[in-house]
Amino acid sequence: MFVDSHCHLDFPELYPRIDEVLTRMREKGVGYALCISVNLERFPTVLALATRFPNLYATVGVHPDEQDARTPGVSELVELATHPKVVGIGETGLDYYRLQGDLEWQRERFRTHIRAARKCRKPLVIHTRSAAADTLRIMREEGAEEIGGVMHCFTESWDVAVAALDLNFYISFSGIVTFKNAGALKEVAQRVPLERMLIETDAPYLAPVPHRGKPNEPAYVIHVAEEIARLKGVAVRQIEDATAENFFRLFRVSPPATEQAVGLKPQ
């Protein structure tokens, strides 16, 4: 089965038609999805989705772009992460692309999330944009390698990928890898070891080819797998199986005994 390791099903583009979205997801052989928290105000909705549907899981955290959002302390993040359907801390990290000025608050928020992840022993979901050097520096300074995690929606260079892999992190590719102008990223996808790779949609954003311009959804993660299989010269099923196994291992989710157990139709 396929697994969408990063999506935002609570966002207004998807939440009002959640049953339709999940039906299409099952029909395309996508067995699980991880619903990502971007702030504490929306976290109850994220957690409610994961609680309602057995094949959905959740994270807890505050996105670096959420400048006006309340930043939780370590103890609050740890407490919220005790719920059995919360499997990771994030989305957290640094983003110097959208925000300018003194961003020390962003760096301190990132440090708080890493400390919480280490304390509760749940992996990190890291966002980095135009901030790779500081992201990696803080990861090293805070001992992020002790708990590991995933560099989500990866768009950085091979050197950054190597540094993240050395820090015990997985690399996750989104629909961007299917874009014609993503030549450098395609080369990175060719080189990342399959045993350290995840796939995602980041839905409702970044719909892959052939759905560009439409709201993204978990069903479309298959197109990410198809492109990576093409780049690596392997069967799509190999990407499917490896990335699902990686997801279950990283987030300590027990895989189903059979695909029918999560309502997947035979392929």
Protein backbone atom coordinates (compact mmCIF):
# COMPACT_ATOMS: atom_id res chain seq x y z
CA MET A 1 0.00 0.00 0.00
CA PHE A 2 0.95 3.65 -0.34
CA VAL A 3 1.25 5.99 2.64
CA ASP A 4 0.89 9.77 2.51
CA SER A 5 3.37 10.84 5.18
CA HIS A 6 2.33 14.51 5.28
CA CYS A 7 -1.02 16.15 4.58
CA HIS A 8 -3.37 18.77 6.03
CA LEU A 9 -6.81 17.18 5.94
CA ASP A 10 -8.15 19.75 8.41
CA PHE A 11 -7.66 22.61 5.92
CA PRO A 12 -10.81 24.08 4.33
CA GLU A 13 -9.97 22.78 0.85
CA LEU A 14 -10.35 19.19 2.11
CA TYR A 15 -12.13 19.02 5.47
CA PRO A 16 -15.70 19.75 4.25
CA ARG A 17 -15.47 16.74 1.89
CA ILE A 18 -13.39 14.46 4.07
CA ASP A 19 -15.43 11.32 3.40
CA GLU A 20 -15.04 11.79 -0.36
CA VAL A 21 -11.30 12.45 0.02
CA LEU A 22 -10.77 9.32 2.12
CA THR A 23 -12.86 7.18 -0.21
CA ARG A 24 -10.76 8.24 -3.18
CA MET A 25 -7.64 7.65 -1.11
CA ARG A 26 -8.66 4.04 -0.42
CA GLU A 27 -9.62 3.45 -4.05
CA LYS A 28 -6.09 4.45 -5.12
CA GLY A 29 -4.47 2.07 -2.64
CA VAL A 30 -3.34 4.69 -0.11
CA GLY A 31 -3.75 2.95 3.21
CA TYR A 32 -2.56 5.54 5.73
CA ALA A 33 -2.03 9.28 6.00
CA LEU A 34 -0.38 11.49 8.60
CA CYS A 35 -2.33 14.67 9.41
CA ILE A 36 0.08 17.45 10.29
CA SER A 37 -0.49 20.13 12.92
CA VAL A 38 0.46 23.73 12.06
CA ASN A 39 -0.77 25.46 15.23
CA LEU A 40 -2.42 24.62 18.54
CA GLU A 41 -5.70 26.29 17.57
CA ARG A 42 -6.29 23.70 14.82
CA PHE A 43 -4.73 20.78 16.65
CA PRO A 44 -8.07 19.56 18.14
CA THR A 45 -9.45 19.16 14.60
CA VAL A 46 -6.31 17.32 13.47
CA LEU A 47 -6.53 15.00 16.46
CA ALA A 48 -10.28 14.47 15.96
CA LEU A 49 -9.64 13.27 12.41
CA ALA A 50 -6.98 10.83 13.61
CA THR A 51 -9.29 9.60 16.36
CA ARG A 52 -12.27 9.18 14.06
CA PHE A 53 -10.47 7.28 11.31
CA PRO A 54 -8.26 4.29 12.22
CA ASN A 55 -5.93 4.79 9.24
CA LEU A 56 -5.14 8.43 10.05
CA TYR A 57 -2.49 9.64 12.49
CA ALA A 58 -1.57 13.08 13.80
CA THR A 59 1.34 15.26 14.85
CA VAL A 60 1.40 18.22 17.23
CA GLY A 61 3.38 21.39 16.66
CA VAL A 62 3.48 24.97 15.40
CA HIS A 63 4.67 25.77 11.86
CA PRO A 64 7.49 28.32 11.51
CA ASP A 65 5.30 30.53 9.30
CA GLU A 66 2.71 30.87 12.09
CA GLN A 67 4.23 34.09 13.43
CA ASP A 68 1.26 35.11 15.56
CA ALA A 69 0.45 31.65 16.87
CA ARG A 70 1.00 30.78 20.50
CA THR A 71 4.22 28.87 21.01
CA PRO A 72 3.82 25.99 23.47
CA GLY A 73 6.49 25.05 25.96
CA VAL A 74 8.23 21.70 26.07
CA SER A 75 5.95 20.29 28.77
CA GLU A 76 2.77 21.22 26.88
CA LEU A 77 3.99 19.62 23.66
CA VAL A 78 4.99 16.49 25.54
CA GLU A 79 1.59 16.30 27.23
CA LEU A 80 -0.30 16.72 23.94
CA ALA A 81 1.89 14.04 22.36
CA THR A 82 0.83 11.43 24.92
CA HIS A 83 -2.29 10.67 22.88
CA PRO A 84 -1.74 7.31 21.12
CA LYS A 85 -2.72 8.70 17.71
CA VAL A 86 -0.11 11.48 17.95
CA VAL A 87 3.02 9.96 16.43
CA GLY A 88 5.31 12.94 15.86
CA ILE A 89 6.29 16.49 16.82
CA GLY A 90 5.85 19.18 14.17
CA GLU A 91 5.57 20.58 11.70
CA THR A 92 8.46 22.62 12.97
CA GLY A 93 11.63 24.16 11.60
CA LEU A 94 12.73 27.39 9.95
CA ASP A 95 11.43 29.41 7.02
CA TYR A 96 13.33 32.51 5.93
CA TYR A 97 11.49 32.75 2.60
CA ARG A 98 8.16 34.20 3.72
CA LEU A 99 9.24 36.08 6.84
CA GLN A 100 11.97 38.68 7.29
CA GLY A 101 13.53 40.65 10.10
CA ASP A 102 14.55 39.28 13.47
CA LEU A 103 13.58 35.61 13.36
CA GLU A 104 15.15 34.55 16.63
CA TRP A 105 11.65 33.67 17.85
CA GLN A 106 11.46 31.12 15.04
CA ARG A 107 14.77 29.55 16.03
CA GLU A 108 13.73 29.37 19.69
CA ARG A 109 10.42 27.74 18.73
CA PHE A 110 12.33 25.17 16.71
CA ARG A 111 14.60 24.41 19.66
CA THR A 112 11.55 23.92 21.88
CA HIS A 113 10.08 21.37 19.49
CA ILE A 114 13.33 19.42 19.28
CA ARG A 115 13.59 19.31 23.08
CA ALA A 116 9.99 18.10 23.32
CA ALA A 117 10.60 15.39 20.73
CA ARG A 118 13.63 14.14 22.60
CA LYS A 119 11.69 14.11 25.86
CA CYS A 120 8.63 12.25 24.55
CA ARG A 121 10.67 10.06 22.18
CA LYS A 122 8.59 10.85 19.11
CA PRO A 123 10.16 11.83 15.76
CA LEU A 124 10.31 15.32 14.33
CA VAL A 125 8.62 16.57 11.17
CA ILE A 126 10.88 19.36 9.92
CA HIS A 127 10.12 22.16 7.46
CA THR A 128 13.02 24.19 6.09
CA ARG A 129 12.97 26.81 3.38
CA SER A 130 15.79 29.23 2.56
CA ALA A 131 17.24 28.32 5.96
CA ALA A 132 19.12 25.05 5.51
CA ALA A 133 22.34 26.10 7.27
CA ASP A 134 20.58 27.31 10.42
CA THR A 135 18.18 24.35 10.37
CA LEU A 136 21.03 21.85 10.35
CA ARG A 137 23.02 23.83 12.91
CA ILE A 138 20.15 23.88 15.40
CA MET A 139 19.43 20.20 14.78
CA ARG A 140 23.03 19.41 15.70
CA GLU A 141 23.13 21.77 18.70
CA GLU A 142 19.91 20.32 20.13
CA GLY A 143 20.77 16.66 19.54
CA ALA A 144 17.97 16.01 17.05
CA GLU A 145 19.79 12.90 15.82
CA GLU A 146 18.88 11.17 19.10
CA ILE A 147 15.23 10.97 18.05
CA GLY A 148 15.39 11.46 14.26
CA GLY A 149 12.49 12.29 12.03
CA VAL A 150 11.80 13.47 8.50
CA MET A 151 12.77 16.45 6.37
CA HIS A 152 9.37 17.02 4.78
CA CYS A 153 8.73 18.30 1.24
CA PHE A 154 12.45 18.24 0.58
CA THR A 155 13.69 20.80 -1.99
CA GLU A 156 17.29 21.30 -0.89
CA SER A 157 20.62 20.20 -2.37
CA TRP A 158 22.26 16.80 -2.19
CA ASP A 159 24.72 18.14 0.40
CA VAL A 160 21.83 19.13 2.68
CA ALA A 161 20.25 15.72 2.14
CA VAL A 162 23.49 13.99 3.16
CA ALA A 163 23.72 16.13 6.30
CA ALA A 164 20.13 15.26 7.24
CA LEU A 165 20.68 11.56 6.57
CA ASP A 166 23.75 11.70 8.81
CA LEU A 167 21.53 13.15 11.54
CA ASN A 168 19.24 10.10 11.44
CA PHE A 169 16.53 11.76 9.34
CA TYR A 170 14.49 10.48 6.44
CA ILE A 171 13.95 12.53 3.27
CA SER A 172 10.38 13.02 2.05
CA PHE A 173 9.47 13.98 -1.51
CA SER A 174 6.27 15.73 -2.53
CA GLY A 175 4.61 16.46 -5.87
CA ILE A 176 7.36 18.99 -6.60
CA VAL A 177 9.52 16.09 -7.79
CA THR A 178 7.10 15.62 -10.72
CA PHE A 179 7.46 19.23 -11.94
CA LYS A 180 9.37 19.74 -15.19
CA ASN A 181 11.52 22.52 -13.72
CA ALA A 182 12.63 20.41 -10.72
CA GLY A 183 15.72 18.94 -12.36
CA ALA A 184 18.02 19.40 -9.35
CA LEU A 185 15.48 17.82 -7.02
CA LYS A 186 15.03 14.87 -9.37
CA GLU A 187 18.77 14.23 -9.12
CA VAL A 188 18.54 14.25 -5.32
CA ALA A 189 15.64 11.78 -5.45
CA GLN A 190 17.74 9.48 -7.61
CA ARG A 191 20.49 9.46 -4.99
CA VAL A 192 18.60 9.22 -1.69
CA PRO A 193 18.67 5.58 -0.52
CA LEU A 194 15.27 3.97 -0.81
CA GLU A 195 15.46 2.76 2.79
CA ARG A 196 15.61 6.40 3.98
CA MET A 197 12.84 7.87 1.82
CA LEU A 198 9.21 8.84 2.37
CA ILE A 199 6.58 10.20 -0.01
CA GLU A 200 3.91 12.78 0.70
CA THR A 201 1.39 15.15 -0.83
CA ASP A 202 1.46 18.15 1.54
CA ALA A 203 -2.22 18.33 0.53
CA PRO A 204 -4.03 20.54 -0.25
CA TYR A 205 -0.89 22.11 -1.75
CA LEU A 206 1.60 21.12 -4.46
CA ALA A 207 -0.57 18.79 -6.51
CA PRO A 208 1.66 16.61 -8.69
CA VAL A 209 1.56 16.26 -12.44
CA PRO A 210 -1.03 15.53 -13.90
CA HIS A 211 -3.16 17.35 -11.29
CA ARG A 212 -1.28 20.67 -11.08
CA GLY A 213 -3.54 23.61 -10.37
CA LYS A 214 -6.05 21.48 -8.46
CA PRO A 215 -6.33 20.98 -4.70
CA ASN A 216 -4.00 18.16 -3.75
CA GLU A 217 -5.17 15.12 -1.77
CA PRO A 218 -3.71 11.84 -0.45
CA ALA A 219 -4.91 9.83 -3.46
CA TYR A 220 -2.39 11.70 -5.60
CA VAL A 221 0.66 10.44 -3.69
CA ILE A 222 0.87 7.59 -6.19
CA HIS A 223 2.17 10.08 -8.80
CA VAL A 224 5.09 10.96 -6.53
CA ALA A 225 5.91 7.25 -6.26
CA GLU A 226 5.65 6.81 -10.03
CA GLU A 227 8.10 9.63 -10.71
CA ILE A 228 10.62 8.37 -8.16
CA ALA A 229 10.34 4.86 -9.62
CA ARG A 230 11.05 6.32 -13.07
CA LEU A 231 14.04 8.24 -11.77
CA LYS A 232 15.49 5.23 -9.99
CA GLY A 233 14.62 2.76 -12.74
CA VAL A 234 12.65 0.43 -10.46
CA ALA A 235 9.07 -0.80 -10.25
CA VAL A 236 6.49 1.47 -8.62
CA ARG A 237 5.65 -1.38 -6.25
CA GLN A 238 9.20 -1.21 -4.90
CA ILE A 239 8.76 2.47 -4.03
CA GLU A 240 5.33 1.76 -2.59
CA ASP A 241 6.51 -1.04 -0.31
CA ALA A 242 9.73 0.64 0.84
CA THR A 243 8.19 4.01 1.68
CA ALA A 244 5.30 2.40 3.56
CA GLU A 245 7.71 0.26 5.57
CA ASN A 246 9.82 3.34 6.31
CA PHE A 247 6.74 5.21 7.55
CA PHE A 248 5.72 2.42 9.89
CA ARG A 249 9.27 2.16 11.25
CA LEU A 250 9.86 5.87 11.74
CA PHE A 251 6.53 6.70 13.37
CA ARG A 252 6.22 3.36 15.20
CA VAL A 253 2.89 2.57 13.60
CA SER A 254 1.92 -1.09 13.43
CA PRO A 255 1.25 -2.08 9.81
CA PRO A 256 -2.04 -3.87 9.08
CA ALA A 257 -2.04 -7.64 8.73
CA THR A 258 -3.57 -7.29 5.24
CA GLU A 259 -4.46 -4.44 2.88
CA GLN A 260 -8.12 -5.40 3.30
CA ALA A 261 -7.75 -4.50 7.00
CA VAL A 262 -7.65 -0.80 6.03
CA GLY A 263 -10.35 -1.17 3.39
CA LEU A 264 -8.14 -1.15 0.33
CA LYS A 265 -9.49 -2.57 -2.86
CA PRO A 266 -7.34 -5.26 -4.50
CA GLN A 267 -5.07 -3.75 -7.15
